[in-house]
């Protein structure tokens, strides 16, 4: 697959992932504020939550697919890759800190608000630390990604220790949990599974049909919705562990959605399309970092109106970042 085509579909996935994340945070307050478990609004919101939970893993898959396609020296990681994440993070956290400092009792309190914002971040900025961690181990990973069998071996280990073995906790035997934790397989556990899976699918997966991938995705959605409904009927409250990021179903949902979009859009081309998707893909980190600040805009939107509300937030965040992209400030915010 040519790089131009690859960049088109990767940027399309980034755009979709960004909107899914905005929708997730837009719906979160509705979820927390007490939907009656099992009613129609709960069922719709739960289904949407199953869908939007794939947003961040999709971002990590795109990062792996792009970062690992060529070798990066340690110097390049520290002088180029990491600054591209750190600088926008600091810039946006300064903005958050300034907003928090409005009405501060003294300049000292205001300065402290900004400093705390930069150091501790916001509820959604854990993504930045995770992405930086993946960048830091990229020089190690890229040494074996050219060997298909080694990549597959790594992914198998990652699936075992990240997705499958945690289910042994359901057996209720703490001794077994301790034995498993004693393996200390930290290198293959966590979001690295999505980082490397994105690369593997792009470079080594055999040709696949979009409708087969979409079929797997829809079946998983249906199963998860059913399991959630049964569970909530038993315990009387919402349950998300069935479709968490590192659950079996959550993993299959993300992989199948990634492959569906890749298969449907992989052959798309054209200068205008490349430009539009490239621009929207390039402001993804800005949209991600900014959008929680805009959520009060839709505070009056409730129920199903949160869905168009999320689109409004996305458009506003994209618009602000597009304006920044036309100014010298793009160097620090994007």
Protein backbone atom coordinates (compact mmCIF):
# COMPACT_ATOMS: atom_id res chain seq x y z
CA UNK A 1 0.00 0.00 0.00
CA UNK A 2 1.41 3.35 -0.97
CA UNK A 3 2.18 5.86 1.76
CA UNK A 4 -0.28 8.41 0.42
CA UNK A 5 -3.11 5.88 0.51
CA UNK A 6 -2.06 4.68 3.93
CA UNK A 7 -2.01 8.19 5.31
CA UNK A 8 -5.51 8.82 3.99
CA UNK A 9 -7.10 5.94 5.84
CA UNK A 10 -4.99 6.40 8.94
CA UNK A 11 -6.09 10.02 9.13
CA UNK A 12 -9.70 8.95 8.57
CA UNK A 13 -9.38 6.62 11.56
CA UNK A 14 -7.86 9.44 13.61
CA UNK A 15 -10.79 11.70 12.78
CA UNK A 16 -13.29 8.99 13.74
CA UNK A 17 -11.37 8.19 16.93
CA UNK A 18 -11.28 11.84 17.95
CA UNK A 19 -15.05 12.15 17.57
CA UNK A 20 -15.62 8.91 19.51
CA UNK A 21 -13.59 10.31 22.42
CA UNK A 22 -15.50 13.59 22.37
CA UNK A 23 -18.78 11.65 22.34
CA UNK A 24 -17.61 9.48 25.23
CA UNK A 25 -16.84 12.47 27.44
CA UNK A 26 -20.03 14.21 26.36
CA UNK A 27 -22.12 11.22 27.42
CA UNK A 28 -20.21 10.57 30.65
CA UNK A 29 -22.15 13.08 32.75
CA UNK A 30 -25.46 11.66 31.54
CA UNK A 31 -24.24 8.22 32.60
CA UNK A 32 -23.04 9.37 36.01
CA UNK A 33 -26.10 11.52 36.74
CA UNK A 34 -28.30 8.49 37.15
CA UNK A 35 -29.86 6.84 34.15
CA UNK A 36 -32.26 4.18 35.33
CA UNK A 37 -30.50 0.87 34.59
CA UNK A 38 -32.30 -1.10 31.95
CA UNK A 39 -34.59 1.58 30.50
CA UNK A 40 -34.44 2.71 26.88
CA UNK A 41 -32.12 5.66 27.53
CA UNK A 42 -29.78 3.38 29.46
CA UNK A 43 -29.73 0.85 26.63
CA UNK A 44 -28.95 3.48 24.00
CA UNK A 45 -26.28 5.13 26.18
CA UNK A 46 -24.72 1.77 26.99
CA UNK A 47 -24.58 0.85 23.31
CA UNK A 48 -22.93 4.18 22.52
CA UNK A 49 -20.43 3.64 25.33
CA UNK A 50 -19.50 0.25 23.88
CA UNK A 51 -18.80 1.97 20.57
CA UNK A 52 -16.91 5.01 21.90
CA UNK A 53 -14.61 2.97 24.16
CA UNK A 54 -12.63 2.04 21.04
CA UNK A 55 -11.59 5.67 20.43
CA UNK A 56 -8.31 5.79 22.35
CA UNK A 57 -7.13 2.29 21.37
CA UNK A 58 -7.68 3.31 17.74
CA UNK A 59 -5.36 6.28 18.29
CA UNK A 60 -2.66 3.99 19.68
CA UNK A 61 -3.04 1.64 16.72
CA UNK A 62 -2.59 4.55 14.32
CA UNK A 63 0.48 5.70 16.25
CA UNK A 64 2.06 2.26 16.02
CA UNK A 65 1.22 1.94 12.31
CA UNK A 66 2.98 5.23 11.55
CA UNK A 67 5.82 5.32 14.10
CA UNK A 68 7.08 1.80 13.47
CA UNK A 69 7.08 1.89 9.67
CA UNK A 70 10.60 3.32 9.75
CA UNK A 71 13.44 3.38 12.24
CA UNK A 72 13.78 6.30 14.63
CA UNK A 73 17.08 6.97 16.37
CA UNK A 74 17.04 7.62 20.11
CA UNK A 75 18.08 11.19 19.33
CA UNK A 76 15.12 11.61 16.98
CA UNK A 77 12.72 10.23 19.59
CA UNK A 78 13.89 12.83 22.12
CA UNK A 79 14.30 15.77 19.76
CA UNK A 80 11.29 15.26 17.51
CA UNK A 81 8.71 12.66 18.54
CA UNK A 82 8.48 13.46 22.25
CA UNK A 83 8.50 17.28 21.83
CA UNK A 84 5.59 16.97 19.36
CA UNK A 85 3.55 15.60 22.26
CA UNK A 86 5.04 17.44 25.25
CA UNK A 87 4.85 20.96 23.79
CA UNK A 88 1.10 20.87 22.92
CA UNK A 89 0.40 19.27 26.29
CA UNK A 90 2.17 22.05 28.21
CA UNK A 91 0.58 24.75 26.06
CA UNK A 92 -2.96 23.48 26.57
CA UNK A 93 -2.45 22.79 30.28
CA UNK A 94 -1.30 26.40 30.69
CA UNK A 95 -4.59 27.45 29.11
CA UNK A 96 -6.50 25.15 31.49
CA UNK A 97 -4.54 26.61 34.40
CA UNK A 98 -5.34 30.17 33.33
CA UNK A 99 -9.04 29.30 33.14
CA UNK A 100 -8.86 27.71 36.61
CA UNK A 101 -7.05 30.82 37.90
CA UNK A 102 -9.84 33.18 36.85
CA UNK A 103 -11.12 34.81 40.02
CA UNK A 104 -8.13 33.64 42.07
CA UNK A 105 -7.69 35.45 45.36
CA UNK A 106 -4.10 36.45 44.60
CA UNK A 107 -1.46 36.28 41.85
CA UNK A 108 0.28 33.54 43.82
CA UNK A 109 -2.83 31.37 43.81
CA UNK A 110 -3.24 32.01 40.10
CA UNK A 111 0.35 30.99 39.33
CA UNK A 112 -0.06 27.87 41.48
CA UNK A 113 -3.16 26.94 39.48
CA UNK A 114 -1.20 27.10 36.24
CA UNK A 115 1.74 25.14 37.65
CA UNK A 116 -0.54 22.44 39.07
CA UNK A 117 -2.36 22.18 35.74
CA UNK A 118 0.91 21.56 33.88
CA UNK A 119 2.26 19.07 36.44
CA UNK A 120 -0.89 17.08 37.16
CA UNK A 121 -2.77 17.59 33.92
CA UNK A 122 -6.49 17.00 33.45
CA UNK A 123 -8.58 13.84 33.76
CA UNK A 124 -8.02 12.98 30.09
CA UNK A 125 -4.28 13.67 29.83
CA UNK A 126 -3.21 10.22 31.02
CA UNK A 127 -3.19 9.47 27.29
CA UNK A 128 -0.15 11.73 26.88
CA UNK A 129 1.90 9.86 29.48
CA UNK A 130 0.97 6.52 27.91
CA UNK A 131 1.89 7.72 24.43
CA UNK A 132 5.24 9.04 25.71
CA UNK A 133 5.91 5.67 27.30
CA UNK A 134 5.32 3.95 23.97
CA UNK A 135 7.64 6.41 22.24
CA UNK A 136 10.35 5.71 24.81
CA UNK A 137 10.31 1.96 24.08
CA UNK A 138 9.97 2.43 20.30
CA UNK A 139 13.77 2.11 19.72
CA UNK A 140 13.58 -1.38 21.25
CA UNK A 141 10.42 -2.44 19.42
CA UNK A 142 11.63 -1.28 16.02
CA UNK A 143 14.57 -3.66 16.25
CA UNK A 144 12.29 -6.67 15.71
CA UNK A 145 9.26 -5.35 13.80
CA UNK A 146 10.80 -6.38 10.48
CA UNK A 147 10.49 -10.00 11.58
CA UNK A 148 6.84 -11.06 11.25
CA UNK A 149 7.18 -14.03 13.57
CA UNK A 150 8.73 -11.93 16.33
CA UNK A 151 5.94 -9.35 16.08
CA UNK A 152 3.36 -12.11 16.20
CA UNK A 153 5.11 -13.72 19.17
CA UNK A 154 5.11 -10.39 21.02
CA UNK A 155 1.39 -9.90 20.28
CA UNK A 156 0.57 -13.42 21.49
CA UNK A 157 2.37 -12.75 24.77
CA UNK A 158 0.62 -9.41 25.05
CA UNK A 159 -2.81 -10.94 24.45
CA UNK A 160 -2.13 -13.61 27.06
CA UNK A 161 -0.89 -11.28 29.79
CA UNK A 162 -2.98 -8.19 28.97
CA UNK A 163 -6.30 -9.65 27.88
CA UNK A 164 -6.66 -13.29 28.94
CA UNK A 165 -4.89 -13.89 32.25
CA UNK A 166 -6.64 -11.03 34.12
CA UNK A 167 -9.81 -13.13 33.85
CA UNK A 168 -8.29 -15.59 36.32
CA UNK A 169 -9.22 -13.06 39.01
CA UNK A 170 -12.81 -14.21 38.52
CA UNK A 171 -11.80 -17.52 40.10
CA UNK A 172 -11.36 -15.69 43.39
CA UNK A 173 -8.03 -17.32 44.23
CA UNK A 174 -5.54 -14.64 45.29
CA UNK A 175 -2.69 -17.17 45.16
CA UNK A 176 -3.21 -17.66 41.42
CA UNK A 177 -3.30 -13.90 40.89
CA UNK A 178 -0.02 -13.58 42.80
CA UNK A 179 1.65 -16.31 40.75
CA UNK A 180 0.64 -14.61 37.51
CA UNK A 181 1.81 -11.18 38.71
CA UNK A 182 5.18 -12.71 39.64
CA UNK A 183 5.93 -13.08 35.95
CA UNK A 184 6.35 -9.27 35.82
CA UNK A 185 5.69 -9.17 32.08
CA UNK A 186 5.29 -5.40 32.08
CA UNK A 187 6.96 -4.93 28.71
CA UNK A 188 4.16 -6.77 26.89
CA UNK A 189 1.27 -5.51 29.05
CA UNK A 190 -0.87 -2.44 28.39
CA UNK A 191 -1.44 -0.24 25.36
CA UNK A 192 1.62 -1.62 23.63
CA UNK A 193 -0.73 -4.37 22.44
CA UNK A 194 -2.62 -1.82 20.32
CA UNK A 195 0.54 0.06 19.33
CA UNK A 196 2.06 -3.09 17.84
CA UNK A 197 -1.23 -4.51 16.56
CA UNK A 198 -1.70 -1.45 14.37
CA UNK A 199 1.69 -2.02 12.78
CA UNK A 200 1.14 -5.76 12.37
CA UNK A 201 -2.23 -5.40 10.65
CA UNK A 202 -0.92 -2.79 8.22
CA UNK A 203 2.22 -4.67 7.29
CA UNK A 204 1.60 -8.38 7.80
CA UNK A 205 -2.11 -9.17 7.90
CA UNK A 206 -3.39 -10.99 4.84
CA UNK A 207 -6.09 -9.45 2.67
CA UNK A 208 -9.40 -9.28 4.51
CA UNK A 209 -12.94 -8.34 3.49
CA UNK A 210 -14.51 -5.33 5.14
CA UNK A 211 -17.87 -7.04 5.56
CA UNK A 212 -16.31 -9.91 7.50
CA UNK A 213 -14.58 -7.47 9.86
CA UNK A 214 -17.76 -5.42 10.14
CA UNK A 215 -19.72 -8.60 10.84
CA UNK A 216 -17.40 -9.47 13.73
CA UNK A 217 -17.76 -5.93 15.04
CA UNK A 218 -21.57 -5.97 14.92
CA UNK A 219 -21.76 -9.43 16.53
CA UNK A 220 -19.50 -8.26 19.37
CA UNK A 221 -21.66 -5.16 19.83
CA UNK A 222 -24.78 -7.29 20.09
CA UNK A 223 -23.22 -9.78 22.50
CA UNK A 224 -21.85 -7.02 24.72
CA UNK A 225 -25.16 -5.16 24.79
CA UNK A 226 -26.94 -8.36 25.76
CA UNK A 227 -24.42 -9.25 28.48
CA UNK A 228 -24.59 -5.72 29.88
CA UNK A 229 -28.38 -5.79 29.98
CA UNK A 230 -28.41 -9.17 31.76
CA UNK A 231 -25.80 -8.04 34.27
CA UNK A 232 -27.45 -4.72 35.03
CA UNK A 233 -30.71 -6.54 35.60
CA UNK A 234 -28.91 -8.59 38.23
CA UNK A 235 -26.96 -5.91 40.11
CA UNK A 236 -29.15 -2.88 39.36
CA UNK A 237 -26.41 -0.57 38.07
CA UNK A 238 -24.42 0.08 34.91
CA UNK A 239 -21.56 -2.26 34.10
CA UNK A 240 -18.68 -1.55 31.73
CA UNK A 241 -16.21 -4.33 32.45
CA UNK A 242 -17.52 -6.44 29.56
CA UNK A 243 -16.25 -3.92 27.04
CA UNK A 244 -13.30 -2.35 28.85
CA UNK A 245 -10.23 -1.59 26.77
CA UNK A 246 -8.38 -4.77 27.73
CA UNK A 247 -11.34 -7.14 27.88
CA UNK A 248 -11.67 -9.83 25.22
CA UNK A 249 -14.67 -8.14 23.62
CA UNK A 250 -13.12 -4.68 23.90
CA UNK A 251 -9.99 -5.89 22.14
CA UNK A 252 -11.92 -7.64 19.35
CA UNK A 253 -14.17 -4.60 18.88
CA UNK A 254 -11.21 -2.28 18.41
CA UNK A 255 -9.29 -4.58 16.07
CA UNK A 256 -12.34 -5.35 13.93
CA UNK A 257 -13.30 -1.66 13.66
CA UNK A 258 -9.75 -0.72 12.69
CA UNK A 259 -9.68 -3.41 10.01
CA UNK A 260 -13.14 -2.47 8.73
CA UNK A 261 -12.22 1.19 8.24
CA UNK A 262 -8.83 0.27 6.78
CA UNK A 263 -10.45 -2.10 4.28
CA UNK A 264 -13.16 0.36 3.26
CA UNK A 265 -10.90 3.41 2.89
CA UNK A 266 -7.52 1.89 2.06
CA UNK A 267 -7.92 2.50 -1.68
CA UNK A 268 -9.20 6.04 -1.36
CA UNK A 269 -7.02 8.62 -3.02
CA UNK A 270 -7.11 12.07 -4.49
CA UNK A 271 -5.26 15.28 -3.75
CA UNK A 272 -8.24 17.01 -2.12
CA UNK A 273 -9.10 14.02 0.07
CA UNK A 274 -5.47 13.66 1.08
CA UNK A 275 -5.35 17.33 2.06
CA UNK A 276 -8.60 17.32 4.05
CA UNK A 277 -7.87 14.12 5.97
CA UNK A 278 -4.27 15.20 6.51
CA UNK A 279 -5.33 18.51 8.05
CA UNK A 280 -8.00 16.95 10.28
CA UNK A 281 -5.64 14.16 11.31
CA UNK A 282 -2.91 16.65 12.20
CA UNK A 283 -5.11 18.54 14.68
CA UNK A 284 -6.29 15.40 16.46
CA UNK A 285 -4.09 15.99 19.51
CA UNK A 286 -5.34 19.57 19.75
CA UNK A 287 -8.97 18.43 19.63
CA UNK A 288 -8.25 15.81 22.26
CA UNK A 289 -6.55 18.20 24.65
CA UNK A 290 -9.06 21.04 24.19
CA UNK A 291 -12.49 19.40 24.08
CA UNK A 292 -13.13 18.91 27.85
CA UNK A 293 -12.88 22.67 28.29
CA UNK A 294 -15.76 23.06 25.84
CA UNK A 295 -18.13 20.54 27.44
CA UNK A 296 -19.98 23.25 29.45
CA UNK A 297 -21.23 24.54 26.08
CA UNK A 298 -23.61 21.57 25.93
CA UNK A 299 -24.51 21.49 29.62
CA UNK A 300 -28.10 22.17 28.63
CA UNK A 301 -28.18 19.20 26.26
CA UNK A 302 -29.62 16.07 27.84
CA UNK A 303 -30.56 12.59 26.75
CA UNK A 304 -30.18 11.92 23.05
CA UNK A 305 -29.36 15.59 22.42
CA UNK A 306 -25.90 14.83 23.78
CA UNK A 307 -25.09 13.13 20.49
CA UNK A 308 -25.45 16.27 18.31
CA UNK A 309 -23.95 18.13 21.28
CA UNK A 310 -20.78 16.06 20.89
CA UNK A 311 -20.69 16.97 17.21
CA UNK A 312 -20.94 20.66 18.17
CA UNK A 313 -18.02 20.27 20.59
CA UNK A 314 -15.99 18.47 17.94
CA UNK A 315 -16.66 21.16 15.32
CA UNK A 316 -15.80 23.99 17.74
CA UNK A 317 -12.61 22.26 18.88
CA UNK A 318 -11.63 21.53 15.29
CA UNK A 319 -12.37 25.11 14.28
CA UNK A 320 -10.22 26.56 17.06
CA UNK A 321 -7.36 24.24 16.17
CA UNK A 322 -7.68 25.01 12.46
CA UNK A 323 -7.37 28.71 13.27
CA UNK A 324 -4.32 28.00 15.43
CA UNK A 325 -2.88 25.98 12.57
CA UNK A 326 -2.86 29.14 10.43
CA UNK A 327 -0.86 31.09 13.01
CA UNK A 328 2.64 30.80 14.49
CA UNK A 329 0.94 29.33 17.60
CA UNK A 330 0.64 26.03 15.72
CA UNK A 331 4.21 25.31 16.79
CA UNK A 332 3.16 25.06 20.44
CA UNK A 333 -0.50 23.99 20.33
CA UNK A 334 -0.28 21.41 17.55
